């Protein structure tokens, strides 16, 4: 196995812990860096770092999947994802997920501590009456607006 040069893993002020936790990283020999990779994430603390709605933030990475946090209030939009499945885990508030399948439409209510998986290709419409905090598990290729491109599309996501 060829290891990347150590320079690729240089620690800088803007280094992201996720980039340091990959196999082959010579920095992992340093116990401090390993502890950073294995540290817990406090969702309440991470949600307190932003106020924007409909702008997902990356808080973790598992293989080819991002762990994202997002705040919703009101209606999002009808959209689907051609190849990506999505998991919506409600942390606070209440998410109403409208879905269209087989020519019919229905609404599923997701409460705190519950999640819903939206398979790729299923048209869905997230909506909330109160500000709702949601953790998303999505492939890295997932665009928040799926097949729709508009002012809510976030092609570049912030890590927090």
C-alpha atoms as a PDB file:
ATOM      1  CA  UNK A   1       0.000   0.000   0.000  1.00  0.00           C
ATOM      2  CA  UNK A   2       1.318   3.430  -0.948  1.00  0.00           C
ATOM      3  CA  UNK A   3       0.804   6.075   1.728  1.00  0.00           C
ATOM      4  CA  UNK A   4       0.279   9.683   0.679  1.00  0.00           C
ATOM      5  CA  UNK A   5       3.074  12.094   1.536  1.00  0.00           C
ATOM      6  CA  UNK A   6       2.800  13.502   5.039  1.00  0.00           C
ATOM      7  CA  UNK A   7       2.456  16.990   3.543  1.00  0.00           C
ATOM      8  CA  UNK A   8      -1.038  16.023   2.345  1.00  0.00           C
ATOM      9  CA  UNK A   9      -2.033  15.685   5.989  1.00  0.00           C
ATOM     10  CA  UNK A  10      -0.393  18.800   7.359  1.00  0.00           C
ATOM     11  CA  UNK A  11      -2.373  20.347  10.201  1.00  0.00           C
ATOM     12  CA  UNK A  12      -3.496  23.890   9.520  1.00  0.00           C
ATOM     13  CA  UNK A  13      -5.854  26.282  11.271  1.00  0.00           C
ATOM     14  CA  UNK A  14      -8.625  25.283   8.875  1.00  0.00           C
ATOM     15  CA  UNK A  15      -7.989  21.517   8.956  1.00  0.00           C
ATOM     16  CA  UNK A  16     -11.144  19.463   9.238  1.00  0.00           C
ATOM     17  CA  UNK A  17     -11.016  16.510  11.657  1.00  0.00           C
ATOM     18  CA  UNK A  18     -12.737  14.293   9.082  1.00  0.00           C
ATOM     19  CA  UNK A  19      -9.854  14.732   6.633  1.00  0.00           C
ATOM     20  CA  UNK A  20      -7.402  13.586   9.298  1.00  0.00           C
ATOM     21  CA  UNK A  21      -9.272  10.372  10.123  1.00  0.00           C
ATOM     22  CA  UNK A  22      -8.694   8.517   6.869  1.00  0.00           C
ATOM     23  CA  UNK A  23      -6.735   5.294   6.543  1.00  0.00           C
ATOM     24  CA  UNK A  24      -3.146   5.822   5.562  1.00  0.00           C
ATOM     25  CA  UNK A  25      -2.849   9.109   7.425  1.00  0.00           C
ATOM     26  CA  UNK A  26       0.570   9.129   9.136  1.00  0.00           C
ATOM     27  CA  UNK A  27      -0.721  11.658  11.666  1.00  0.00           C
ATOM     28  CA  UNK A  28      -2.907   8.921  13.187  1.00  0.00           C
ATOM     29  CA  UNK A  29       0.200   7.653  14.930  1.00  0.00           C
ATOM     30  CA  UNK A  30      -0.215  10.741  17.145  1.00  0.00           C
ATOM     31  CA  UNK A  31      -2.698   9.777  19.884  1.00  0.00           C
ATOM     32  CA  UNK A  32      -4.079  13.347  20.044  1.00  0.00           C
ATOM     33  CA  UNK A  33      -5.186  13.159  16.410  1.00  0.00           C
ATOM     34  CA  UNK A  34      -6.680   9.722  16.941  1.00  0.00           C
ATOM     35  CA  UNK A  35      -8.660  11.006  19.919  1.00  0.00           C
ATOM     36  CA  UNK A  36     -10.030  13.843  17.754  1.00  0.00           C
ATOM     37  CA  UNK A  37     -11.243  11.251  15.227  1.00  0.00           C
ATOM     38  CA  UNK A  38     -12.998   9.276  17.936  1.00  0.00           C
ATOM     39  CA  UNK A  39     -14.561  12.182  19.799  1.00  0.00           C
ATOM     40  CA  UNK A  40     -18.312  12.539  20.235  1.00  0.00           C
ATOM     41  CA  UNK A  41     -20.472  15.168  18.554  1.00  0.00           C
ATOM     42  CA  UNK A  42     -23.012  17.129  20.595  1.00  0.00           C
ATOM     43  CA  UNK A  43     -25.978  17.860  18.320  1.00  0.00           C
ATOM     44  CA  UNK A  44     -27.384  20.701  20.460  1.00  0.00           C
ATOM     45  CA  UNK A  45     -24.002  22.441  20.441  1.00  0.00           C
ATOM     46  CA  UNK A  46     -23.647  22.041  16.659  1.00  0.00           C
ATOM     47  CA  UNK A  47     -27.196  23.301  16.017  1.00  0.00           C
ATOM     48  CA  UNK A  48     -26.401  26.367  18.167  1.00  0.00           C
ATOM     49  CA  UNK A  49     -23.662  27.361  15.698  1.00  0.00           C
ATOM     50  CA  UNK A  50     -26.033  28.424  12.908  1.00  0.00           C
ATOM     51  CA  UNK A  51     -29.428  30.024  12.326  1.00  0.00           C
ATOM     52  CA  UNK A  52     -29.881  29.633   8.562  1.00  0.00           C
ATOM     53  CA  UNK A  53     -32.701  27.415   7.411  1.00  0.00           C
ATOM     54  CA  UNK A  54     -32.545  25.023   4.448  1.00  0.00           C
ATOM     55  CA  UNK A  55     -28.719  25.237   4.404  1.00  0.00           C
ATOM     56  CA  UNK A  56     -27.331  21.848   5.511  1.00  0.00           C
ATOM     57  CA  UNK A  57     -24.031  21.793   7.429  1.00  0.00           C
ATOM     58  CA  UNK A  58     -21.622  18.850   7.424  1.00  0.00           C
ATOM     59  CA  UNK A  59     -20.789  17.541  10.914  1.00  0.00           C
ATOM     60  CA  UNK A  60     -19.335  14.141  10.077  1.00  0.00           C
ATOM     61  CA  UNK A  61     -18.391  11.651   7.427  1.00  0.00           C
ATOM     62  CA  UNK A  62     -18.841   7.881   7.201  1.00  0.00           C
ATOM     63  CA  UNK A  63     -17.257   6.302   4.123  1.00  0.00           C
ATOM     64  CA  UNK A  64     -19.059   7.953   1.170  1.00  0.00           C
ATOM     65  CA  UNK A  65     -21.794   9.451   3.350  1.00  0.00           C
ATOM     66  CA  UNK A  66     -22.080  12.850   5.000  1.00  0.00           C
ATOM     67  CA  UNK A  67     -23.749  13.412   8.350  1.00  0.00           C
ATOM     68  CA  UNK A  68     -25.468  16.786   7.986  1.00  0.00           C
ATOM     69  CA  UNK A  69     -27.522  19.055  10.207  1.00  0.00           C
ATOM     70  CA  UNK A  70     -30.227  21.350   8.858  1.00  0.00           C
ATOM     71  CA  UNK A  71     -32.936  23.591  10.244  1.00  0.00           C
ATOM     72  CA  UNK A  72     -36.311  23.738   8.482  1.00  0.00           C
ATOM     73  CA  UNK A  73     -39.309  26.011   8.940  1.00  0.00           C
ATOM     74  CA  UNK A  74     -42.158  26.247   6.474  1.00  0.00           C
ATOM     75  CA  UNK A  75     -42.276  24.624   3.061  1.00  0.00           C
ATOM     76  CA  UNK A  76     -39.245  23.403   1.111  1.00  0.00           C
ATOM     77  CA  UNK A  77     -40.167  22.147  -2.390  1.00  0.00           C
ATOM     78  CA  UNK A  78     -41.118  19.065  -4.346  1.00  0.00           C
ATOM     79  CA  UNK A  79     -38.001  17.297  -5.603  1.00  0.00           C
ATOM     80  CA  UNK A  80     -36.383  13.896  -5.922  1.00  0.00           C
ATOM     81  CA  UNK A  81     -32.893  12.452  -6.103  1.00  0.00           C
ATOM     82  CA  UNK A  82     -32.108  10.246  -9.081  1.00  0.00           C
ATOM     83  CA  UNK A  83     -29.552   7.998  -7.372  1.00  0.00           C
ATOM     84  CA  UNK A  84     -29.317   8.941  -3.681  1.00  0.00           C
ATOM     85  CA  UNK A  85     -31.395   7.676  -0.763  1.00  0.00           C
ATOM     86  CA  UNK A  86     -31.774  10.077   2.194  1.00  0.00           C
ATOM     87  CA  UNK A  87     -32.331   9.571   5.910  1.00  0.00           C
ATOM     88  CA  UNK A  88     -34.079  12.378   7.852  1.00  0.00           C
ATOM     89  CA  UNK A  89     -33.743  12.020  11.667  1.00  0.00           C
ATOM     90  CA  UNK A  90     -35.773  14.588  13.618  1.00  0.00           C
ATOM     91  CA  UNK A  91     -33.918  15.973  16.636  1.00  0.00           C
ATOM     92  CA  UNK A  92     -36.317  18.808  17.562  1.00  0.00           C
ATOM     93  CA  UNK A  93     -39.688  19.932  16.205  1.00  0.00           C
ATOM     94  CA  UNK A  94     -41.904  18.022  13.809  1.00  0.00           C
ATOM     95  CA  UNK A  95     -41.226  17.240  10.158  1.00  0.00           C
ATOM     96  CA  UNK A  96     -44.077  16.587   7.764  1.00  0.00           C
ATOM     97  CA  UNK A  97     -42.832  14.710   4.721  1.00  0.00           C
ATOM     98  CA  UNK A  98     -45.159  14.691   1.763  1.00  0.00           C
ATOM     99  CA  UNK A  99     -44.386  11.938  -0.739  1.00  0.00           C
ATOM    100  CA  UNK A 100     -45.719  11.042  -4.167  1.00  0.00           C
ATOM    101  CA  UNK A 101     -45.700   7.369  -5.070  1.00  0.00           C
ATOM    102  CA  UNK A 102     -47.593   5.328  -7.640  1.00  0.00           C
ATOM    103  CA  UNK A 103     -49.787   8.264  -8.623  1.00  0.00           C
ATOM    104  CA  UNK A 104     -50.885   9.144  -5.073  1.00  0.00           C
ATOM    105  CA  UNK A 105     -49.746  11.641  -2.472  1.00  0.00           C
ATOM    106  CA  UNK A 106     -49.545  11.166   1.280  1.00  0.00           C
ATOM    107  CA  UNK A 107     -48.024  12.912   4.299  1.00  0.00           C
ATOM    108  CA  UNK A 108     -45.910  11.246   6.983  1.00  0.00           C
ATOM    109  CA  UNK A 109     -45.285  13.031  10.299  1.00  0.00           C
ATOM    110  CA  UNK A 110     -41.863  12.466  11.881  1.00  0.00           C
ATOM    111  CA  UNK A 111     -41.408  13.405  15.562  1.00  0.00           C
ATOM    112  CA  UNK A 112     -38.210  13.848  17.625  1.00  0.00           C
ATOM    113  CA  UNK A 113     -36.350  10.567  17.900  1.00  0.00           C
ATOM    114  CA  UNK A 114     -37.902   9.233  14.686  1.00  0.00           C
ATOM    115  CA  UNK A 115     -36.505   9.038  11.176  1.00  0.00           C
ATOM    116  CA  UNK A 116     -37.665   8.405   7.659  1.00  0.00           C
ATOM    117  CA  UNK A 117     -35.718   7.061   4.695  1.00  0.00           C
ATOM    118  CA  UNK A 118     -36.655   8.502   1.326  1.00  0.00           C
ATOM    119  CA  UNK A 119     -35.529   6.116  -1.438  1.00  0.00           C
ATOM    120  CA  UNK A 120     -33.994   7.580  -4.583  1.00  0.00           C
ATOM    121  CA  UNK A 121     -36.533   8.508  -7.230  1.00  0.00           C
ATOM    122  CA  UNK A 122     -39.330   9.231  -4.719  1.00  0.00           C
ATOM    123  CA  UNK A 123     -40.665  12.766  -5.053  1.00  0.00           C
ATOM    124  CA  UNK A 124     -40.849  14.396  -1.618  1.00  0.00           C
ATOM    125  CA  UNK A 125     -41.703  17.741  -0.010  1.00  0.00           C
ATOM    126  CA  UNK A 126     -40.408  18.505   3.507  1.00  0.00           C
ATOM    127  CA  UNK A 127     -42.509  21.005   5.449  1.00  0.00           C
ATOM    128  CA  UNK A 128     -42.723  22.170   9.080  1.00  0.00           C
ATOM    129  CA  UNK A 129     -44.907  24.495  11.107  1.00  0.00           C
ATOM    130  CA  UNK A 130     -42.207  25.298  13.698  1.00  0.00           C
ATOM    131  CA  UNK A 131     -38.436  25.402  13.375  1.00  0.00           C
ATOM    132  CA  UNK A 132     -37.351  21.789  13.159  1.00  0.00           C
ATOM    133  CA  UNK A 133     -33.822  20.427  13.595  1.00  0.00           C
ATOM    134  CA  UNK A 134     -32.961  17.447  11.418  1.00  0.00           C
ATOM    135  CA  UNK A 135     -29.899  15.231  11.055  1.00  0.00           C
ATOM    136  CA  UNK A 136     -29.427  13.883   7.531  1.00  0.00           C
ATOM    137  CA  UNK A 137     -27.451  10.866   6.366  1.00  0.00           C
ATOM    138  CA  UNK A 138     -26.812  11.236   2.652  1.00  0.00           C
ATOM    139  CA  UNK A 139     -24.269  10.158   0.062  1.00  0.00           C
ATOM    140  CA  UNK A 140     -21.683  12.867  -0.581  1.00  0.00           C
ATOM    141  CA  UNK A 141     -23.126  13.368  -4.070  1.00  0.00           C
ATOM    142  CA  UNK A 142     -26.534  14.471  -2.722  1.00  0.00           C
ATOM    143  CA  UNK A 143     -27.602  17.986  -3.691  1.00  0.00           C
ATOM    144  CA  UNK A 144     -30.115  19.384  -1.190  1.00  0.00           C
ATOM    145  CA  UNK A 145     -32.638  20.278  -3.904  1.00  0.00           C
ATOM    146  CA  UNK A 146     -32.160  17.057  -5.912  1.00  0.00           C
ATOM    147  CA  UNK A 147     -33.366  17.473  -9.478  1.00  0.00           C
ATOM    148  CA  UNK A 148     -34.372  21.141  -8.911  1.00  0.00           C
ATOM    149  CA  UNK A 149     -31.911  24.041  -9.227  1.00  0.00           C
ATOM    150  CA  UNK A 150     -32.963  27.348  -7.663  1.00  0.00           C
ATOM    151  CA  UNK A 151     -32.064  29.907  -4.968  1.00  0.00           C
ATOM    152  CA  UNK A 152     -32.198  27.204  -2.258  1.00  0.00           C
ATOM    153  CA  UNK A 153     -29.677  24.942  -4.002  1.00  0.00           C
ATOM    154  CA  UNK A 154     -26.497  24.607  -1.911  1.00  0.00           C
ATOM    155  CA  UNK A 155     -23.732  23.158  -4.125  1.00  0.00           C
ATOM    156  CA  UNK A 156     -21.032  23.820  -1.497  1.00  0.00           C
ATOM    157  CA  UNK A 157     -21.685  22.915   2.130  1.00  0.00           C
ATOM    158  CA  UNK A 158     -20.042  24.363   5.221  1.00  0.00           C
ATOM    159  CA  UNK A 159     -18.431  22.057   7.785  1.00  0.00           C
ATOM    160  CA  UNK A 160     -19.042  22.892  11.400  1.00  0.00           C
END
